[in-house]
Amino acid sequence: MSKYLYVYHGGSVPETEEEGAKVMAAWGAWMGGLGAAIVDGGAPVGMSRTVSATGTTDNGGANPASGYTIVEAASHDAACAMAAGCPINDAGGSVEVAEILPM
């Protein structure tokens, strides 16, 4: 089994408290369904800064991260299949799935 990093991009922000509760319930159900595959449940993240050889920018890049999770899966395809059910996909966002390579 390998570990995979889910980086969440985009997604809409709930406009009401009721909508927020519904979104949180969807995330809880999805993560609950992943069960023991979750290594680190992660968290939402704030605006990022991009550091390169030419300096630092405050814009978060072309597709800023909005959160992360680390999971364990038998293959990259299996990790992608698990990410397909992520609620962020229904909110206009996406999940980037990258294998964490052993060092």
N, C-alpha and C. Protein backbone atom coordinates (compact mmCIF):
# COMPACT_ATOMS: atom_id res chain seq x y z
N MET A 1 0.85 -1.18 0.00
CA MET A 1 0.00 0.00 0.00
C MET A 1 0.89 1.25 0.00
N SER A 2 0.51 2.19 -0.80
CA SER A 2 1.23 3.46 -0.88
C SER A 2 0.37 4.58 -0.30
N LYS A 3 1.02 5.68 0.05
CA LYS A 3 0.31 6.85 0.54
C LYS A 3 0.15 7.83 -0.61
N TYR A 4 -0.99 8.54 -0.59
CA TYR A 4 -1.32 9.52 -1.63
C TYR A 4 -1.77 10.82 -0.97
N LEU A 5 -1.34 11.90 -1.58
CA LEU A 5 -1.71 13.23 -1.12
C LEU A 5 -2.87 13.73 -1.96
N TYR A 6 -3.96 14.09 -1.30
CA TYR A 6 -5.07 14.75 -1.97
C TYR A 6 -4.90 16.25 -1.72
N VAL A 7 -4.80 17.01 -2.77
CA VAL A 7 -4.76 18.47 -2.65
C VAL A 7 -6.06 18.98 -3.26
N TYR A 8 -6.86 19.64 -2.44
CA TYR A 8 -8.14 20.15 -2.90
C TYR A 8 -7.94 21.54 -3.50
N HIS A 9 -8.59 21.77 -4.63
CA HIS A 9 -8.52 23.06 -5.31
C HIS A 9 -9.93 23.58 -5.52
N GLY A 10 -10.11 24.88 -5.24
CA GLY A 10 -11.38 25.53 -5.53
C GLY A 10 -12.50 25.07 -4.63
N GLY A 11 -13.68 25.08 -5.21
CA GLY A 11 -14.88 24.75 -4.46
C GLY A 11 -15.54 26.03 -3.98
N SER A 12 -16.83 25.99 -3.82
CA SER A 12 -17.57 27.17 -3.38
C SER A 12 -17.66 27.21 -1.86
N VAL A 13 -17.86 28.39 -1.33
CA VAL A 13 -18.03 28.59 0.11
C VAL A 13 -19.53 28.65 0.38
N PRO A 14 -20.01 27.86 1.37
CA PRO A 14 -21.44 27.90 1.69
C PRO A 14 -21.89 29.31 2.04
N GLU A 15 -23.08 29.68 1.57
CA GLU A 15 -23.60 31.03 1.79
C GLU A 15 -24.43 31.15 3.07
N THR A 16 -24.95 30.04 3.56
CA THR A 16 -25.76 30.08 4.78
C THR A 16 -25.24 29.05 5.77
N GLU A 17 -25.65 29.22 7.01
CA GLU A 17 -25.26 28.26 8.05
C GLU A 17 -25.84 26.88 7.74
N GLU A 18 -27.06 26.85 7.23
CA GLU A 18 -27.70 25.58 6.88
C GLU A 18 -26.94 24.88 5.77
N GLU A 19 -26.55 25.64 4.74
CA GLU A 19 -25.78 25.08 3.64
C GLU A 19 -24.42 24.58 4.14
N GLY A 20 -23.80 25.33 5.06
CA GLY A 20 -22.53 24.92 5.65
C GLY A 20 -22.64 23.60 6.39
N ALA A 21 -23.73 23.42 7.12
CA ALA A 21 -23.96 22.17 7.86
C ALA A 21 -24.12 21.01 6.88
N LYS A 22 -24.82 21.25 5.79
CA LYS A 22 -25.02 20.21 4.77
C LYS A 22 -23.69 19.81 4.13
N VAL A 23 -22.85 20.81 3.84
CA VAL A 23 -21.53 20.54 3.25
C VAL A 23 -20.67 19.75 4.22
N MET A 24 -20.66 20.16 5.48
CA MET A 24 -19.86 19.45 6.49
C MET A 24 -20.34 18.01 6.66
N ALA A 25 -21.64 17.80 6.59
CA ALA A 25 -22.18 16.44 6.69
C ALA A 25 -21.73 15.60 5.50
N ALA A 26 -21.70 16.19 4.31
CA ALA A 26 -21.25 15.47 3.12
C ALA A 26 -19.77 15.08 3.25
N TRP A 27 -18.96 16.02 3.73
CA TRP A 27 -17.53 15.72 3.94
C TRP A 27 -17.37 14.62 4.99
N GLY A 28 -18.14 14.70 6.08
CA GLY A 28 -18.05 13.69 7.12
C GLY A 28 -18.44 12.31 6.61
N ALA A 29 -19.48 12.25 5.79
CA ALA A 29 -19.91 10.97 5.23
C ALA A 29 -18.86 10.41 4.28
N TRP A 30 -18.30 11.27 3.43
CA TRP A 30 -17.28 10.81 2.48
C TRP A 30 -16.05 10.32 3.22
N MET A 31 -15.56 11.11 4.17
CA MET A 31 -14.37 10.71 4.92
C MET A 31 -14.64 9.47 5.76
N GLY A 32 -15.84 9.38 6.32
CA GLY A 32 -16.20 8.19 7.08
C GLY A 32 -16.18 6.95 6.20
N GLY A 33 -16.59 7.10 4.94
CA GLY A 33 -16.57 5.98 4.01
C GLY A 33 -15.16 5.54 3.63
N LEU A 34 -14.21 6.46 3.73
CA LEU A 34 -12.81 6.10 3.45
C LEU A 34 -12.21 5.29 4.59
N GLY A 35 -12.75 5.47 5.78
CA GLY A 35 -12.34 4.69 6.95
C GLY A 35 -10.85 4.69 7.21
N ALA A 36 -10.29 3.48 7.36
CA ALA A 36 -8.88 3.31 7.72
C ALA A 36 -7.93 3.75 6.62
N ALA A 37 -8.44 4.04 5.42
CA ALA A 37 -7.56 4.51 4.34
C ALA A 37 -7.02 5.90 4.65
N ILE A 38 -7.69 6.64 5.53
CA ILE A 38 -7.22 7.99 5.88
C ILE A 38 -6.05 7.88 6.83
N VAL A 39 -4.91 8.41 6.39
CA VAL A 39 -3.71 8.46 7.21
C VAL A 39 -3.68 9.76 8.00
N ASP A 40 -4.05 10.85 7.35
CA ASP A 40 -4.12 12.18 7.95
C ASP A 40 -5.31 12.88 7.33
N GLY A 41 -6.33 13.18 8.12
CA GLY A 41 -7.54 13.81 7.61
C GLY A 41 -7.31 15.18 7.02
N GLY A 42 -6.17 15.80 7.34
CA GLY A 42 -5.84 17.08 6.75
C GLY A 42 -6.67 18.21 7.32
N ALA A 43 -6.78 19.28 6.52
CA ALA A 43 -7.48 20.48 6.95
C ALA A 43 -7.62 21.43 5.77
N PRO A 44 -8.52 22.39 5.89
CA PRO A 44 -8.54 23.47 4.90
C PRO A 44 -7.28 24.30 5.07
N VAL A 45 -6.91 25.03 4.05
CA VAL A 45 -5.74 25.91 4.13
C VAL A 45 -6.14 27.32 3.71
N GLY A 46 -5.37 28.30 4.19
CA GLY A 46 -5.57 29.69 3.81
C GLY A 46 -4.87 30.00 2.50
N MET A 47 -4.92 31.26 2.11
CA MET A 47 -4.29 31.69 0.87
C MET A 47 -2.80 31.40 0.92
N SER A 48 -2.29 30.84 -0.16
CA SER A 48 -0.88 30.50 -0.23
C SER A 48 -0.06 31.60 -0.87
N ARG A 49 1.24 31.52 -0.67
CA ARG A 49 2.19 32.40 -1.32
C ARG A 49 3.10 31.49 -2.15
N THR A 50 3.46 31.93 -3.33
CA THR A 50 4.29 31.14 -4.22
C THR A 50 5.71 31.69 -4.19
N VAL A 51 6.67 30.82 -3.87
CA VAL A 51 8.07 31.21 -3.79
C VAL A 51 8.82 30.56 -4.95
N SER A 52 9.56 31.37 -5.70
CA SER A 52 10.37 30.88 -6.81
C SER A 52 11.69 31.63 -6.84
N ALA A 53 12.54 31.31 -7.81
CA ALA A 53 13.83 31.98 -7.93
C ALA A 53 13.67 33.47 -8.20
N THR A 54 12.51 33.87 -8.72
CA THR A 54 12.30 35.29 -9.03
C THR A 54 11.64 36.06 -7.89
N GLY A 55 11.30 35.39 -6.81
CA GLY A 55 10.71 36.08 -5.67
C GLY A 55 9.47 35.38 -5.13
N THR A 56 8.68 36.12 -4.38
CA THR A 56 7.48 35.59 -3.74
C THR A 56 6.27 36.38 -4.20
N THR A 57 5.21 35.66 -4.56
CA THR A 57 3.96 36.31 -4.93
C THR A 57 2.88 35.89 -3.94
N ASP A 58 1.91 36.77 -3.74
CA ASP A 58 0.85 36.53 -2.76
C ASP A 58 -0.45 36.02 -3.36
N ASN A 59 -0.46 35.68 -4.63
CA ASN A 59 -1.73 35.38 -5.29
C ASN A 59 -2.19 33.93 -5.18
N GLY A 60 -1.42 33.06 -4.59
CA GLY A 60 -1.82 31.67 -4.46
C GLY A 60 -1.64 30.86 -5.73
N GLY A 61 -1.11 31.44 -6.79
CA GLY A 61 -0.88 30.70 -8.02
C GLY A 61 -2.12 30.59 -8.88
N ALA A 62 -1.99 29.89 -9.98
CA ALA A 62 -3.07 29.76 -10.96
C ALA A 62 -4.25 28.95 -10.43
N ASN A 63 -3.99 27.97 -9.56
CA ASN A 63 -5.04 27.10 -9.04
C ASN A 63 -4.73 26.82 -7.57
N PRO A 64 -4.97 27.79 -6.68
CA PRO A 64 -4.54 27.65 -5.30
C PRO A 64 -5.18 26.47 -4.57
N ALA A 65 -4.41 25.90 -3.67
CA ALA A 65 -4.91 24.81 -2.84
C ALA A 65 -5.92 25.34 -1.84
N SER A 66 -6.93 24.52 -1.52
CA SER A 66 -7.89 24.91 -0.50
C SER A 66 -7.90 23.93 0.67
N GLY A 67 -7.12 22.83 0.56
CA GLY A 67 -7.01 21.88 1.66
C GLY A 67 -6.26 20.65 1.22
N TYR A 68 -6.12 19.69 2.14
CA TYR A 68 -5.40 18.46 1.83
C TYR A 68 -5.87 17.31 2.72
N THR A 69 -5.57 16.09 2.29
CA THR A 69 -5.77 14.87 3.06
C THR A 69 -4.71 13.88 2.58
N ILE A 70 -4.27 12.98 3.44
CA ILE A 70 -3.36 11.91 3.04
C ILE A 70 -4.09 10.59 3.25
N VAL A 71 -4.09 9.76 2.21
CA VAL A 71 -4.76 8.45 2.26
C VAL A 71 -3.77 7.36 1.89
N GLU A 72 -4.16 6.14 2.17
CA GLU A 72 -3.40 4.97 1.77
C GLU A 72 -4.26 4.18 0.80
N ALA A 73 -3.66 3.72 -0.31
CA ALA A 73 -4.42 2.97 -1.31
C ALA A 73 -3.49 1.96 -2.00
N ALA A 74 -4.09 0.97 -2.62
CA ALA A 74 -3.33 -0.08 -3.30
C ALA A 74 -2.67 0.41 -4.58
N SER A 75 -3.21 1.47 -5.20
CA SER A 75 -2.65 1.98 -6.45
C SER A 75 -3.10 3.43 -6.66
N HIS A 76 -2.46 4.08 -7.62
CA HIS A 76 -2.85 5.45 -7.97
C HIS A 76 -4.30 5.46 -8.46
N ASP A 77 -4.65 4.47 -9.27
CA ASP A 77 -6.03 4.37 -9.77
C ASP A 77 -7.02 4.22 -8.62
N ALA A 78 -6.66 3.42 -7.61
CA ALA A 78 -7.55 3.23 -6.46
C ALA A 78 -7.69 4.53 -5.67
N ALA A 79 -6.59 5.27 -5.52
CA ALA A 79 -6.64 6.55 -4.82
C ALA A 79 -7.51 7.54 -5.58
N CYS A 80 -7.43 7.54 -6.90
CA CYS A 80 -8.26 8.42 -7.72
C CYS A 80 -9.74 8.03 -7.61
N ALA A 81 -10.01 6.73 -7.58
CA ALA A 81 -11.39 6.27 -7.45
C ALA A 81 -11.99 6.73 -6.12
N MET A 82 -11.18 6.69 -5.06
CA MET A 82 -11.66 7.15 -3.76
C MET A 82 -11.92 8.66 -3.80
N ALA A 83 -11.07 9.41 -4.49
CA ALA A 83 -11.22 10.87 -4.57
C ALA A 83 -12.42 11.28 -5.41
N ALA A 84 -12.88 10.40 -6.27
CA ALA A 84 -14.00 10.74 -7.16
C ALA A 84 -15.26 11.10 -6.37
N GLY A 85 -15.42 10.54 -5.18
CA GLY A 85 -16.60 10.81 -4.36
C GLY A 85 -16.48 12.02 -3.47
N CYS A 86 -15.37 12.74 -3.56
CA CYS A 86 -15.14 13.90 -2.69
C CYS A 86 -16.17 15.00 -2.94
N PRO A 87 -16.76 15.55 -1.89
CA PRO A 87 -17.77 16.60 -2.04
C PRO A 87 -17.27 17.86 -2.76
N ILE A 88 -15.98 18.11 -2.77
CA ILE A 88 -15.50 19.31 -3.45
C ILE A 88 -15.76 19.25 -4.94
N ASN A 89 -15.84 18.04 -5.49
CA ASN A 89 -16.13 17.88 -6.92
C ASN A 89 -17.52 18.41 -7.26
N ASP A 90 -18.46 18.27 -6.33
CA ASP A 90 -19.82 18.76 -6.54
C ASP A 90 -19.94 20.27 -6.30
N ALA A 91 -18.89 20.86 -5.73
CA ALA A 91 -18.91 22.29 -5.41
C ALA A 91 -18.06 23.10 -6.39
N GLY A 92 -17.77 22.50 -7.55
CA GLY A 92 -17.00 23.21 -8.56
C GLY A 92 -15.50 23.12 -8.40
N GLY A 93 -15.02 22.32 -7.45
CA GLY A 93 -13.60 22.17 -7.21
C GLY A 93 -13.06 20.88 -7.79
N SER A 94 -11.85 20.53 -7.39
CA SER A 94 -11.22 19.31 -7.87
C SER A 94 -10.26 18.77 -6.82
N VAL A 95 -9.84 17.52 -7.02
CA VAL A 95 -8.88 16.87 -6.14
C VAL A 95 -7.68 16.46 -6.98
N GLU A 96 -6.51 16.97 -6.63
CA GLU A 96 -5.27 16.54 -7.25
C GLU A 96 -4.76 15.36 -6.42
N VAL A 97 -4.38 14.26 -7.08
CA VAL A 97 -3.95 13.06 -6.39
C VAL A 97 -2.50 12.76 -6.77
N ALA A 98 -1.61 12.78 -5.77
CA ALA A 98 -0.18 12.53 -6.03
C ALA A 98 0.33 11.46 -5.08
N GLU A 99 1.07 10.50 -5.60
CA GLU A 99 1.68 9.49 -4.74
C GLU A 99 2.79 10.12 -3.92
N ILE A 100 2.84 9.77 -2.64
CA ILE A 100 3.93 10.21 -1.77
C ILE A 100 5.01 9.15 -1.87
N LEU A 101 6.12 9.52 -2.45
CA LEU A 101 7.19 8.55 -2.71
C LEU A 101 8.02 8.31 -1.46
N PRO A 102 8.37 7.04 -1.20
CA PRO A 102 9.21 6.75 -0.03
C PRO A 102 10.63 7.27 -0.25
N MET A 103 11.23 7.70 0.83
CA MET A 103 12.60 8.19 0.76
C MET A 103 13.49 7.39 1.68
